[in-house]
Amino acid sequence: MAIKRAPRPSHPTVGDIMSSPPYTVLADERVDAARKALKTLQVHHLLVEDRGRIVGIVSDRDILRAMSPYVDGAGAQRRDDLTLQRPIYSIASYHLVTVPRDTPLEVAAALMLEHDISCLPVTGKDAEVLGIVTKSDLLQATLTCLIDARPAA
């Protein structure tokens, strides 16, 4: 009697591993509000929304680059506090690289490397943003695939 292994699931796509729904921030919100939201939500990216549409993205690294190292410290100056009052649209990225939900993981990974970005908004049929997939999501999915591909002991 031959023992058959269960068939592997179909090739995973970004739709299988994306975080959904994505977190958003209004374009005119202050940098400080976005910084607090990232910390509270324990995420690294917020999609920027303006008039009901996703127009950009801001990451925790974007915020760190915009801030003085003295913010929140004893050496903070007025200009440091003013940075936190700036609208988020002033530091967001607007050239979004998006992928449809049926995009294979290796295509998403290649796009992230090609564009030197750490996440991709995932879109549906009408280009609406359904979720977001990050490098961490891809790394976790890769690890899962590698573990699943091990021969049975």
C-alpha atoms as a PDB file:
ATOM      1  CA  MET A   1       0.000   0.000   0.000  1.00  0.00           C
ATOM      2  CA  ALA A   2       1.482   3.333  -1.074  1.00  0.00           C
ATOM      3  CA  ILE A   3       1.052   6.304   1.180  1.00  0.00           C
ATOM      4  CA  LYS A   4       0.055   9.424  -0.668  1.00  0.00           C
ATOM      5  CA  ARG A   5       0.839  12.860   0.521  1.00  0.00           C
ATOM      6  CA  ALA A   6      -2.000  15.368   0.557  1.00  0.00           C
ATOM      7  CA  PRO A   7      -1.767  17.782  -2.371  1.00  0.00           C
ATOM      8  CA  ARG A   8      -0.188  21.107  -1.564  1.00  0.00           C
ATOM      9  CA  PRO A   9      -2.479  24.101  -1.636  1.00  0.00           C
ATOM     10  CA  SER A  10      -2.474  26.153  -4.811  1.00  0.00           C
ATOM     11  CA  HIS A  11       0.299  28.678  -5.222  1.00  0.00           C
ATOM     12  CA  PRO A  12      -0.291  31.448  -2.650  1.00  0.00           C
ATOM     13  CA  THR A  13      -0.968  34.986  -3.802  1.00  0.00           C
ATOM     14  CA  VAL A  14      -0.743  38.366  -2.101  1.00  0.00           C
ATOM     15  CA  GLY A  15      -4.481  38.152  -1.490  1.00  0.00           C
ATOM     16  CA  ASP A  16      -3.842  35.108   0.711  1.00  0.00           C
ATOM     17  CA  ILE A  17      -1.375  36.873   2.996  1.00  0.00           C
ATOM     18  CA  MET A  18      -2.311  40.575   2.907  1.00  0.00           C
ATOM     19  CA  SER A  19      -3.462  42.517   5.932  1.00  0.00           C
ATOM     20  CA  SER A  20      -6.997  43.694   5.382  1.00  0.00           C
ATOM     21  CA  PRO A  21      -8.481  46.181   5.648  1.00  0.00           C
ATOM     22  CA  PRO A  22      -5.454  48.478   5.509  1.00  0.00           C
ATOM     23  CA  TYR A  23      -5.062  51.290   8.004  1.00  0.00           C
ATOM     24  CA  THR A  24      -5.412  54.789   6.608  1.00  0.00           C
ATOM     25  CA  VAL A  25      -4.694  58.334   7.688  1.00  0.00           C
ATOM     26  CA  LEU A  26      -6.273  61.480   6.273  1.00  0.00           C
ATOM     27  CA  ALA A  27      -3.872  63.562   4.189  1.00  0.00           C
ATOM     28  CA  ASP A  28      -4.312  66.631   6.369  1.00  0.00           C
ATOM     29  CA  GLU A  29      -3.753  64.820   9.686  1.00  0.00           C
ATOM     30  CA  ARG A  30      -0.675  65.901  11.592  1.00  0.00           C
ATOM     31  CA  VAL A  31       2.568  63.939  11.558  1.00  0.00           C
ATOM     32  CA  ASP A  32       2.210  63.455  15.314  1.00  0.00           C
ATOM     33  CA  ALA A  33      -1.204  61.803  14.903  1.00  0.00           C
ATOM     34  CA  ALA A  34       0.160  59.407  12.297  1.00  0.00           C
ATOM     35  CA  ARG A  35       3.162  58.611  14.497  1.00  0.00           C
ATOM     36  CA  LYS A  36       0.850  57.782  17.404  1.00  0.00           C
ATOM     37  CA  ALA A  37      -1.414  55.680  15.153  1.00  0.00           C
ATOM     38  CA  LEU A  38       1.527  53.617  13.887  1.00  0.00           C
ATOM     39  CA  LYS A  39       2.613  52.930  17.446  1.00  0.00           C
ATOM     40  CA  THR A  40      -0.887  52.134  18.721  1.00  0.00           C
ATOM     41  CA  LEU A  41      -1.763  49.886  15.769  1.00  0.00           C
ATOM     42  CA  GLN A  42       1.695  48.276  15.796  1.00  0.00           C
ATOM     43  CA  VAL A  43       2.101  48.658  12.036  1.00  0.00           C
ATOM     44  CA  HIS A  44       4.755  50.274   9.859  1.00  0.00           C
ATOM     45  CA  HIS A  45       2.626  51.758   7.057  1.00  0.00           C
ATOM     46  CA  LEU A  46      -0.474  53.899   6.719  1.00  0.00           C
ATOM     47  CA  LEU A  47      -2.217  54.582   3.441  1.00  0.00           C
ATOM     48  CA  VAL A  48      -2.910  58.273   2.899  1.00  0.00           C
ATOM     49  CA  GLU A  49      -6.525  59.095   2.075  1.00  0.00           C
ATOM     50  CA  ASP A  50      -7.778  62.288   0.473  1.00  0.00           C
ATOM     51  CA  ARG A  51     -11.432  62.863  -0.454  1.00  0.00           C
ATOM     52  CA  GLY A  52     -12.211  59.167  -0.083  1.00  0.00           C
ATOM     53  CA  ARG A  53      -9.376  57.960  -2.322  1.00  0.00           C
ATOM     54  CA  ILE A  54      -6.035  56.397  -1.466  1.00  0.00           C
ATOM     55  CA  VAL A  55      -3.439  58.807  -2.823  1.00  0.00           C
ATOM     56  CA  GLY A  56      -0.217  57.871  -1.050  1.00  0.00           C
ATOM     57  CA  ILE A  57       1.509  56.004   1.711  1.00  0.00           C
ATOM     58  CA  VAL A  58       3.544  56.949   4.762  1.00  0.00           C
ATOM     59  CA  SER A  59       5.823  54.661   6.718  1.00  0.00           C
ATOM     60  CA  ASP A  60       7.322  54.871  10.163  1.00  0.00           C
ATOM     61  CA  ARG A  61      10.671  55.485   8.434  1.00  0.00           C
ATOM     62  CA  ASP A  62       9.217  58.473   6.548  1.00  0.00           C
ATOM     63  CA  ILE A  63       8.157  59.958   9.864  1.00  0.00           C
ATOM     64  CA  LEU A  64      11.523  59.275  11.492  1.00  0.00           C
ATOM     65  CA  ARG A  65      13.306  60.962   8.565  1.00  0.00           C
ATOM     66  CA  ALA A  66      11.094  64.053   8.903  1.00  0.00           C
ATOM     67  CA  MET A  67      11.590  64.376  12.653  1.00  0.00           C
ATOM     68  CA  SER A  68      14.494  65.816  14.566  1.00  0.00           C
ATOM     69  CA  PRO A  69      16.293  63.416  16.887  1.00  0.00           C
ATOM     70  CA  TYR A  70      15.505  65.889  19.666  1.00  0.00           C
ATOM     71  CA  VAL A  71      11.713  65.552  19.401  1.00  0.00           C
ATOM     72  CA  ASP A  72      10.216  64.505  22.737  1.00  0.00           C
ATOM     73  CA  GLY A  73      13.517  65.081  24.500  1.00  0.00           C
ATOM     74  CA  ALA A  74      14.905  67.703  26.833  1.00  0.00           C
ATOM     75  CA  GLY A  75      16.757  69.328  23.916  1.00  0.00           C
ATOM     76  CA  ALA A  76      13.636  69.770  21.783  1.00  0.00           C
ATOM     77  CA  GLN A  77      13.282  73.170  20.190  1.00  0.00           C
ATOM     78  CA  ARG A  78      10.316  74.934  18.665  1.00  0.00           C
ATOM     79  CA  ARG A  79      11.254  73.747  15.158  1.00  0.00           C
ATOM     80  CA  ASP A  80      11.166  70.148  16.423  1.00  0.00           C
ATOM     81  CA  ASP A  81       7.643  70.607  17.724  1.00  0.00           C
ATOM     82  CA  LEU A  82       6.608  72.284  14.456  1.00  0.00           C
ATOM     83  CA  THR A  83       7.646  69.170  12.530  1.00  0.00           C
ATOM     84  CA  LEU A  84       5.034  67.193  14.445  1.00  0.00           C
ATOM     85  CA  GLN A  85       2.384  69.746  13.448  1.00  0.00           C
ATOM     86  CA  ARG A  86       3.043  69.374   9.701  1.00  0.00           C
ATOM     87  CA  PRO A  87       0.340  67.642   7.651  1.00  0.00           C
ATOM     88  CA  ILE A  88       1.108  64.044   6.754  1.00  0.00           C
ATOM     89  CA  TYR A  89       0.708  64.798   3.041  1.00  0.00           C
ATOM     90  CA  SER A  90       3.941  66.799   3.240  1.00  0.00           C
ATOM     91  CA  ILE A  91       6.034  63.680   3.931  1.00  0.00           C
ATOM     92  CA  ALA A  92       4.007  60.932   2.207  1.00  0.00           C
ATOM     93  CA  SER A  93       5.063  59.037  -0.923  1.00  0.00           C
ATOM     94  CA  TYR A  94       2.710  59.409  -3.866  1.00  0.00           C
ATOM     95  CA  HIS A  95       4.090  57.009  -6.457  1.00  0.00           C
ATOM     96  CA  LEU A  96       2.254  53.916  -5.273  1.00  0.00           C
ATOM     97  CA  VAL A  97       3.247  50.564  -6.674  1.00  0.00           C
ATOM     98  CA  THR A  98       0.169  48.366  -6.323  1.00  0.00           C
ATOM     99  CA  VAL A  99      -0.628  44.764  -7.180  1.00  0.00           C
ATOM    100  CA  PRO A 100      -3.876  42.897  -7.842  1.00  0.00           C
ATOM    101  CA  ARG A 101      -4.891  40.391  -5.180  1.00  0.00           C
ATOM    102  CA  ASP A 102      -4.084  37.417  -7.456  1.00  0.00           C
ATOM    103  CA  THR A 103      -0.414  38.407  -7.842  1.00  0.00           C
ATOM    104  CA  PRO A 104       1.968  35.528  -7.051  1.00  0.00           C
ATOM    105  CA  LEU A 105       4.207  36.092  -4.041  1.00  0.00           C
ATOM    106  CA  GLU A 106       7.420  35.940  -6.077  1.00  0.00           C
ATOM    107  CA  VAL A 107       6.169  38.734  -8.361  1.00  0.00           C
ATOM    108  CA  ALA A 108       5.346  40.891  -5.327  1.00  0.00           C
ATOM    109  CA  ALA A 109       8.784  40.219  -3.837  1.00  0.00           C
ATOM    110  CA  ALA A 110      10.488  41.108  -7.125  1.00  0.00           C
ATOM    111  CA  LEU A 111       8.536  44.385  -7.329  1.00  0.00           C
ATOM    112  CA  MET A 112       9.506  45.336  -3.786  1.00  0.00           C
ATOM    113  CA  LEU A 113      13.167  44.690  -4.539  1.00  0.00           C
ATOM    114  CA  GLU A 114      13.030  46.472  -7.903  1.00  0.00           C
ATOM    115  CA  HIS A 115      11.416  49.602  -6.437  1.00  0.00           C
ATOM    116  CA  ASP A 116      13.216  49.407  -3.062  1.00  0.00           C
ATOM    117  CA  ILE A 117       9.942  49.543  -1.129  1.00  0.00           C
ATOM    118  CA  SER A 118       8.738  47.639   1.907  1.00  0.00           C
ATOM    119  CA  CYS A 119       5.057  47.146   1.105  1.00  0.00           C
ATOM    120  CA  LEU A 120       2.518  46.976  -1.682  1.00  0.00           C
ATOM    121  CA  PRO A 121      -1.121  48.040  -1.522  1.00  0.00           C
ATOM    122  CA  VAL A 122      -3.293  45.210  -2.867  1.00  0.00           C
ATOM    123  CA  THR A 123      -6.113  46.157  -5.209  1.00  0.00           C
ATOM    124  CA  GLY A 124      -9.385  44.616  -6.299  1.00  0.00           C
ATOM    125  CA  LYS A 125     -11.287  44.632  -9.593  1.00  0.00           C
ATOM    126  CA  ASP A 126     -12.062  48.355  -9.617  1.00  0.00           C
ATOM    127  CA  ALA A 127      -8.587  49.377  -8.377  1.00  0.00           C
ATOM    128  CA  GLU A 128      -9.958  49.823  -4.850  1.00  0.00           C
ATOM    129  CA  VAL A 129      -7.374  49.096  -2.176  1.00  0.00           C
ATOM    130  CA  LEU A 130      -8.290  45.900  -0.341  1.00  0.00           C
ATOM    131  CA  GLY A 131      -5.230  45.435   1.826  1.00  0.00           C
ATOM    132  CA  ILE A 132      -1.492  45.703   2.105  1.00  0.00           C
ATOM    133  CA  VAL A 133       1.312  43.163   1.883  1.00  0.00           C
ATOM    134  CA  THR A 134       4.681  43.842   3.500  1.00  0.00           C
ATOM    135  CA  LYS A 135       8.157  42.364   3.317  1.00  0.00           C
ATOM    136  CA  SER A 136       7.475  40.742   6.676  1.00  0.00           C
ATOM    137  CA  ASP A 137       4.328  39.109   5.268  1.00  0.00           C
ATOM    138  CA  LEU A 138       6.346  37.749   2.346  1.00  0.00           C
ATOM    139  CA  LEU A 139       9.093  36.468   4.611  1.00  0.00           C
ATOM    140  CA  GLN A 140       6.548  34.691   6.842  1.00  0.00           C
ATOM    141  CA  ALA A 141       4.842  33.141   3.799  1.00  0.00           C
ATOM    142  CA  THR A 142       8.189  31.992   2.412  1.00  0.00           C
ATOM    143  CA  LEU A 143       9.094  30.384   5.710  1.00  0.00           C
ATOM    144  CA  THR A 144       5.728  28.625   5.839  1.00  0.00           C
ATOM    145  CA  CYS A 145       6.171  27.331   2.267  1.00  0.00           C
ATOM    146  CA  LEU A 146       9.669  26.053   3.065  1.00  0.00           C
ATOM    147  CA  ILE A 147       8.483  24.256   6.196  1.00  0.00           C
ATOM    148  CA  ASP A 148       5.512  22.759   4.320  1.00  0.00           C
ATOM    149  CA  ALA A 149       7.834  21.567   1.539  1.00  0.00           C
ATOM    150  CA  ARG A 150       9.997  19.520   3.908  1.00  0.00           C
ATOM    151  CA  PRO A 151       9.720  15.795   3.385  1.00  0.00           C
ATOM    152  CA  ALA A 152       7.606  14.019   5.973  1.00  0.00           C
ATOM    153  CA  ALA A 153       9.722  12.425   8.658  1.00  0.00           C
END
